[in-house]
PDB file of all heavy atoms in Angstrom:
ATOM      1  N   LEU A   1      -9.267 -39.531  -6.118  1.00  0.00           N
ATOM      2  CA  LEU A   1      -7.819 -39.662  -6.031  1.00  0.00           C
ATOM      3  C   LEU A   1      -7.412 -40.341  -4.733  1.00  0.00           C
ATOM      4  O   LEU A   1      -8.055 -40.167  -3.692  1.00  0.00           O
ATOM      5  CB  LEU A   1      -7.155 -38.280  -6.102  1.00  0.00           C
ATOM      6  CG  LEU A   1      -7.341 -37.492  -7.402  1.00  0.00           C
ATOM      7  CD1 LEU A   1      -6.646 -36.140  -7.282  1.00  0.00           C
ATOM      8  CD2 LEU A   1      -6.810 -38.271  -8.602  1.00  0.00           C
ATOM      9  N   ASP A   2      -6.306 -41.102  -4.773  1.00  0.00           N
ATOM     10  CA  ASP A   2      -5.818 -41.693  -3.530  1.00  0.00           C
ATOM     11  C   ASP A   2      -5.063 -40.636  -2.731  1.00  0.00           C
ATOM     12  O   ASP A   2      -4.759 -39.545  -3.223  1.00  0.00           O
ATOM     13  CB  ASP A   2      -4.944 -42.927  -3.795  1.00  0.00           C
ATOM     14  CG  ASP A   2      -3.677 -42.613  -4.574  1.00  0.00           C
ATOM     15  OD1 ASP A   2      -3.020 -41.590  -4.282  1.00  0.00           O
ATOM     16  OD2 ASP A   2      -3.331 -43.383  -5.485  1.00  0.00           O
ATOM     17  N   GLU A   3      -4.735 -40.945  -1.484  1.00  0.00           N
ATOM     18  CA  GLU A   3      -4.191 -39.950  -0.567  1.00  0.00           C
ATOM     19  C   GLU A   3      -2.828 -39.424  -1.009  1.00  0.00           C
ATOM     20  O   GLU A   3      -2.538 -38.242  -0.855  1.00  0.00           O
ATOM     21  CB  GLU A   3      -4.097 -40.525   0.857  1.00  0.00           C
ATOM     22  CG  GLU A   3      -5.444 -40.659   1.537  1.00  0.00           C
ATOM     23  CD  GLU A   3      -6.226 -39.343   1.553  1.00  0.00           C
ATOM     24  OE1 GLU A   3      -5.646 -38.316   1.956  1.00  0.00           O
ATOM     25  OE2 GLU A   3      -7.397 -39.359   1.144  1.00  0.00           O
ATOM     26  N   GLU A   4      -1.970 -40.298  -1.551  1.00  0.00           N
ATOM     27  CA  GLU A   4      -0.647 -39.817  -1.976  1.00  0.00           C
ATOM     28  C   GLU A   4      -0.771 -38.782  -3.083  1.00  0.00           C
ATOM     29  O   GLU A   4      -0.095 -37.745  -3.075  1.00  0.00           O
ATOM     30  CB  GLU A   4       0.232 -40.979  -2.459  1.00  0.00           C
ATOM     31  CG  GLU A   4       1.633 -40.508  -2.848  1.00  0.00           C
ATOM     32  CD  GLU A   4       2.486 -41.588  -3.492  1.00  0.00           C
ATOM     33  OE1 GLU A   4       2.060 -42.747  -3.555  1.00  0.00           O
ATOM     34  OE2 GLU A   4       3.592 -41.240  -3.957  1.00  0.00           O
ATOM     35  N   VAL A   5      -1.656 -39.041  -4.040  1.00  0.00           N
ATOM     36  CA  VAL A   5      -1.847 -38.098  -5.139  1.00  0.00           C
ATOM     37  C   VAL A   5      -2.456 -36.798  -4.615  1.00  0.00           C
ATOM     38  O   VAL A   5      -2.059 -35.698  -5.040  1.00  0.00           O
ATOM     39  CB  VAL A   5      -2.730 -38.715  -6.237  1.00  0.00           C
ATOM     40  CG1 VAL A   5      -3.008 -37.694  -7.340  1.00  0.00           C
ATOM     41  CG2 VAL A   5      -2.056 -39.950  -6.832  1.00  0.00           C
ATOM     42  N   LYS A   6      -3.394 -36.896  -3.677  1.00  0.00           N
ATOM     43  CA  LYS A   6      -3.984 -35.686  -3.105  1.00  0.00           C
ATOM     44  C   LYS A   6      -2.927 -34.802  -2.455  1.00  0.00           C
ATOM     45  O   LYS A   6      -2.930 -33.572  -2.607  1.00  0.00           O
ATOM     46  CB  LYS A   6      -5.056 -36.057  -2.078  1.00  0.00           C
ATOM     47  CG  LYS A   6      -6.366 -36.519  -2.684  1.00  0.00           C
ATOM     48  CD  LYS A   6      -7.401 -36.792  -1.600  1.00  0.00           C
ATOM     49  CE  LYS A   6      -8.744 -37.168  -2.204  1.00  0.00           C
ATOM     50  NZ  LYS A   6      -9.775 -37.443  -1.174  1.00  0.00           N
ATOM     51  N   VAL A   7      -2.010 -35.422  -1.736  1.00  0.00           N
ATOM     52  CA  VAL A   7      -0.947 -34.647  -1.083  1.00  0.00           C
ATOM     53  C   VAL A   7      -0.080 -33.946  -2.117  1.00  0.00           C
ATOM     54  O   VAL A   7       0.278 -32.770  -1.966  1.00  0.00           O
ATOM     55  CB  VAL A   7      -0.098 -35.557  -0.166  1.00  0.00           C
ATOM     56  CG1 VAL A   7       1.165 -34.824   0.300  1.00  0.00           C
ATOM     57  CG2 VAL A   7      -0.912 -36.006   1.032  1.00  0.00           C
ATOM     58  N   ARG A   8       0.274 -34.660  -3.178  1.00  0.00           N
ATOM     59  CA  ARG A   8       1.102 -34.063  -4.222  1.00  0.00           C
ATOM     60  C   ARG A   8       0.376 -32.899  -4.907  1.00  0.00           C
ATOM     61  O   ARG A   8       0.980 -31.863  -5.201  1.00  0.00           O
ATOM     62  CB  ARG A   8       1.494 -35.131  -5.253  1.00  0.00           C
ATOM     63  CG  ARG A   8       2.386 -36.221  -4.692  1.00  0.00           C
ATOM     64  CD  ARG A   8       2.620 -37.332  -5.711  1.00  0.00           C
ATOM     65  NE  ARG A   8       3.460 -36.889  -6.797  1.00  0.00           N
ATOM     66  CZ  ARG A   8       4.796 -36.861  -6.766  1.00  0.00           C
ATOM     67  NH1 ARG A   8       5.441 -37.240  -5.675  1.00  0.00           N
ATOM     68  NH2 ARG A   8       5.490 -36.446  -7.800  1.00  0.00           N
ATOM     69  N   VAL A   9      -0.919 -33.064  -5.147  1.00  0.00           N
ATOM     70  CA  VAL A   9      -1.700 -31.995  -5.776  1.00  0.00           C
ATOM     71  C   VAL A   9      -1.801 -30.797  -4.843  1.00  0.00           C
ATOM     72  O   VAL A   9      -1.643 -29.644  -5.267  1.00  0.00           O
ATOM     73  CB  VAL A   9      -3.100 -32.512  -6.165  1.00  0.00           C
ATOM     74  CG1 VAL A   9      -4.025 -31.361  -6.531  1.00  0.00           C
ATOM     75  CG2 VAL A   9      -2.997 -33.485  -7.338  1.00  0.00           C
ATOM     76  N   LEU A  10      -2.041 -31.050  -3.562  1.00  0.00           N
ATOM     77  CA  LEU A  10      -2.145 -29.943  -2.609  1.00  0.00           C
ATOM     78  C   LEU A  10      -0.821 -29.198  -2.477  1.00  0.00           C
ATOM     79  O   LEU A  10      -0.806 -27.971  -2.337  1.00  0.00           O
ATOM     80  CB  LEU A  10      -2.594 -30.452  -1.236  1.00  0.00           C
ATOM     81  CG  LEU A  10      -4.077 -30.759  -1.073  1.00  0.00           C
ATOM     82  CD1 LEU A  10      -4.370 -31.172   0.364  1.00  0.00           C
ATOM     83  CD2 LEU A  10      -4.932 -29.541  -1.450  1.00  0.00           C
ATOM     84  N   ARG A  11       0.285 -29.941  -2.501  1.00  0.00           N
ATOM     85  CA  ARG A  11       1.593 -29.274  -2.424  1.00  0.00           C
ATOM     86  C   ARG A  11       1.762 -28.320  -3.608  1.00  0.00           C
ATOM     87  O   ARG A  11       2.156 -27.163  -3.443  1.00  0.00           O
ATOM     88  CB  ARG A  11       2.715 -30.300  -2.417  1.00  0.00           C
ATOM     89  CG  ARG A  11       4.116 -29.653  -2.366  1.00  0.00           C
ATOM     90  CD  ARG A  11       5.240 -30.663  -2.519  1.00  0.00           C
ATOM     91  NE  ARG A  11       5.253 -31.591  -1.409  1.00  0.00           N
ATOM     92  CZ  ARG A  11       4.995 -32.889  -1.511  1.00  0.00           C
ATOM     93  NH1 ARG A  11       4.682 -33.414  -2.698  1.00  0.00           N
ATOM     94  NH2 ARG A  11       5.035 -33.680  -0.468  1.00  0.00           N
ATOM     95  N   LEU A  12       1.452 -28.805  -4.791  1.00  0.00           N
ATOM     96  CA  LEU A  12       1.584 -27.979  -5.985  1.00  0.00           C
ATOM     97  C   LEU A  12       0.679 -26.757  -5.908  1.00  0.00           C
ATOM     98  O   LEU A  12       1.099 -25.623  -6.193  1.00  0.00           O
ATOM     99  CB  LEU A  12       1.242 -28.824  -7.221  1.00  0.00           C
ATOM    100  CG  LEU A  12       1.611 -28.269  -8.592  1.00  0.00           C
ATOM    101  CD1 LEU A  12       3.088 -27.955  -8.686  1.00  0.00           C
ATOM    102  CD2 LEU A  12       1.211 -29.263  -9.683  1.00  0.00           C
ATOM    103  N   CYS A  13      -0.565 -26.974  -5.489  1.00  0.00           N
ATOM    104  CA  CYS A  13      -1.511 -25.861  -5.413  1.00  0.00           C
ATOM    105  C   CYS A  13      -1.082 -24.845  -4.356  1.00  0.00           C
ATOM    106  O   CYS A  13      -1.157 -23.633  -4.575  1.00  0.00           O
ATOM    107  CB  CYS A  13      -2.913 -26.387  -5.110  1.00  0.00           C
ATOM    108  SG  CYS A  13      -4.199 -25.132  -5.322  1.00  0.00           S
ATOM    109  N   ALA A  14      -0.620 -25.325  -3.198  1.00  0.00           N
ATOM    110  CA  ALA A  14      -0.196 -24.420  -2.124  1.00  0.00           C
ATOM    111  C   ALA A  14       0.960 -23.540  -2.577  1.00  0.00           C
ATOM    112  O   ALA A  14       0.983 -22.321  -2.309  1.00  0.00           O
ATOM    113  CB  ALA A  14       0.204 -25.233  -0.892  1.00  0.00           C
ATOM    114  N   LEU A  15       1.929 -24.122  -3.274  1.00  0.00           N
ATOM    115  CA  LEU A  15       3.064 -23.342  -3.753  1.00  0.00           C
ATOM    116  C   LEU A  15       2.610 -22.244  -4.708  1.00  0.00           C
ATOM    117  O   LEU A  15       3.140 -21.121  -4.684  1.00  0.00           O
ATOM    118  CB  LEU A  15       4.077 -24.254  -4.448  1.00  0.00           C
ATOM    119  CG  LEU A  15       4.801 -25.272  -3.560  1.00  0.00           C
ATOM    120  CD1 LEU A  15       5.649 -26.215  -4.406  1.00  0.00           C
ATOM    121  CD2 LEU A  15       5.669 -24.579  -2.515  1.00  0.00           C
ATOM    122  N   PHE A  16       1.593 -22.551  -5.510  1.00  0.00           N
ATOM    123  CA  PHE A  16       1.141 -21.563  -6.475  1.00  0.00           C
ATOM    124  C   PHE A  16       0.285 -20.472  -5.860  1.00  0.00           C
ATOM    125  O   PHE A  16       0.487 -19.293  -6.148  1.00  0.00           O
ATOM    126  CB  PHE A  16       0.411 -22.240  -7.637  1.00  0.00           C
ATOM    127  CG  PHE A  16       1.352 -22.740  -8.667  1.00  0.00           C
ATOM    128  CD1 PHE A  16       1.651 -24.079  -8.754  1.00  0.00           C
ATOM    129  CD2 PHE A  16       1.997 -21.870  -9.515  1.00  0.00           C
ATOM    130  CE1 PHE A  16       2.553 -24.548  -9.670  1.00  0.00           C
ATOM    131  CE2 PHE A  16       2.909 -22.323 -10.449  1.00  0.00           C
ATOM    132  CZ  PHE A  16       3.192 -23.673 -10.528  1.00  0.00           C
ATOM    133  N   VAL A  17      -0.672 -20.832  -5.033  1.00  0.00           N
ATOM    134  CA  VAL A  17      -1.533 -19.784  -4.489  1.00  0.00           C
ATOM    135  C   VAL A  17      -0.727 -18.855  -3.576  1.00  0.00           C
ATOM    136  O   VAL A  17      -0.930 -17.631  -3.574  1.00  0.00           O
ATOM    137  CB  VAL A  17      -2.765 -20.383  -3.768  1.00  0.00           C
ATOM    138  CG1 VAL A  17      -2.394 -21.071  -2.475  1.00  0.00           C
ATOM    139  CG2 VAL A  17      -3.813 -19.285  -3.509  1.00  0.00           C
ATOM    140  N   ALA A  18       0.234 -19.402  -2.830  1.00  0.00           N
ATOM    141  CA  ALA A  18       1.092 -18.553  -1.994  1.00  0.00           C
ATOM    142  C   ALA A  18       1.959 -17.647  -2.858  1.00  0.00           C
ATOM    143  O   ALA A  18       2.123 -16.452  -2.564  1.00  0.00           O
ATOM    144  CB  ALA A  18       1.967 -19.424  -1.094  1.00  0.00           C
ATOM    145  N   GLY A  19       2.502 -18.217  -3.944  1.00  0.00           N
ATOM    146  CA  GLY A  19       3.325 -17.410  -4.829  1.00  0.00           C
ATOM    147  C   GLY A  19       2.550 -16.292  -5.484  1.00  0.00           C
ATOM    148  O   GLY A  19       3.040 -15.156  -5.595  1.00  0.00           O
ATOM    149  N   GLU A  20       1.322 -16.576  -5.916  1.00  0.00           N
ATOM    150  CA  GLU A  20       0.500 -15.538  -6.539  1.00  0.00           C
ATOM    151  C   GLU A  20       0.159 -14.433  -5.542  1.00  0.00           C
ATOM    152  O   GLU A  20       0.124 -13.248  -5.888  1.00  0.00           O
ATOM    153  CB  GLU A  20      -0.786 -16.141  -7.116  1.00  0.00           C
ATOM    154  CG  GLU A  20      -0.573 -17.164  -8.232  1.00  0.00           C
ATOM    155  CD  GLU A  20      -0.087 -16.556  -9.532  1.00  0.00           C
ATOM    156  OE1 GLU A  20       0.102 -15.330  -9.600  1.00  0.00           O
ATOM    157  OE2 GLU A  20       0.108 -17.321 -10.494  1.00  0.00           O
ATOM    158  N   GLU A  21      -0.086 -14.828  -4.296  1.00  0.00           N
ATOM    159  CA  GLU A  21      -0.342 -13.817  -3.260  1.00  0.00           C
ATOM    160  C   GLU A  21       0.888 -12.940  -3.046  1.00  0.00           C
ATOM    161  O   GLU A  21       0.785 -11.711  -2.922  1.00  0.00           O
ATOM    162  CB  GLU A  21      -0.738 -14.492  -1.956  1.00  0.00           C
ATOM    163  CG  GLU A  21      -1.023 -13.516  -0.829  1.00  0.00           C
ATOM    164  CD  GLU A  21      -1.451 -14.205   0.455  1.00  0.00           C
ATOM    165  OE1 GLU A  21      -2.022 -15.317   0.393  1.00  0.00           O
ATOM    166  OE2 GLU A  21      -1.222 -13.627   1.536  1.00  0.00           O
ATOM    167  N   ALA A  22       2.072 -13.570  -2.990  1.00  0.00           N
ATOM    168  CA  ALA A  22       3.304 -12.820  -2.758  1.00  0.00           C
ATOM    169  C   ALA A  22       3.563 -11.809  -3.867  1.00  0.00           C
ATOM    170  O   ALA A  22       3.892 -10.637  -3.600  1.00  0.00           O
ATOM    171  CB  ALA A  22       4.483 -13.784  -2.629  1.00  0.00           C
ATOM    172  N   VAL A  23       3.415 -12.234  -5.119  1.00  0.00           N
ATOM    173  CA  VAL A  23       3.711 -11.303  -6.207  1.00  0.00           C
ATOM    174  C   VAL A  23       2.656 -10.202  -6.296  1.00  0.00           C
ATOM    175  O   VAL A  23       2.954  -9.084  -6.723  1.00  0.00           O
ATOM    176  CB  VAL A  23       3.881 -12.036  -7.555  1.00  0.00           C
ATOM    177  CG1 VAL A  23       5.111 -12.940  -7.517  1.00  0.00           C
ATOM    178  CG2 VAL A  23       2.656 -12.834  -7.942  1.00  0.00           C
ATOM    179  N   THR A  24       1.425 -10.494  -5.890  1.00  0.00           N
ATOM    180  CA  THR A  24       0.395  -9.451  -5.837  1.00  0.00           C
ATOM    181  C   THR A  24       0.801  -8.369  -4.843  1.00  0.00           C
ATOM    182  O   THR A  24       0.697  -7.161  -5.125  1.00  0.00           O
ATOM    183  CB  THR A  24      -0.963 -10.042  -5.419  1.00  0.00           C
ATOM    184  OG1 THR A  24      -1.348 -11.050  -6.356  1.00  0.00           O
ATOM    185  CG2 THR A  24      -2.045  -8.968  -5.376  1.00  0.00           C
TER     186      THR A  24
END
């Protein structure tokens, strides 16, 4: 993946893993 796509994927993943931790 190019860098712009990597950033977008990481943003999406970060929002989810943090959210899952919060609800846990």
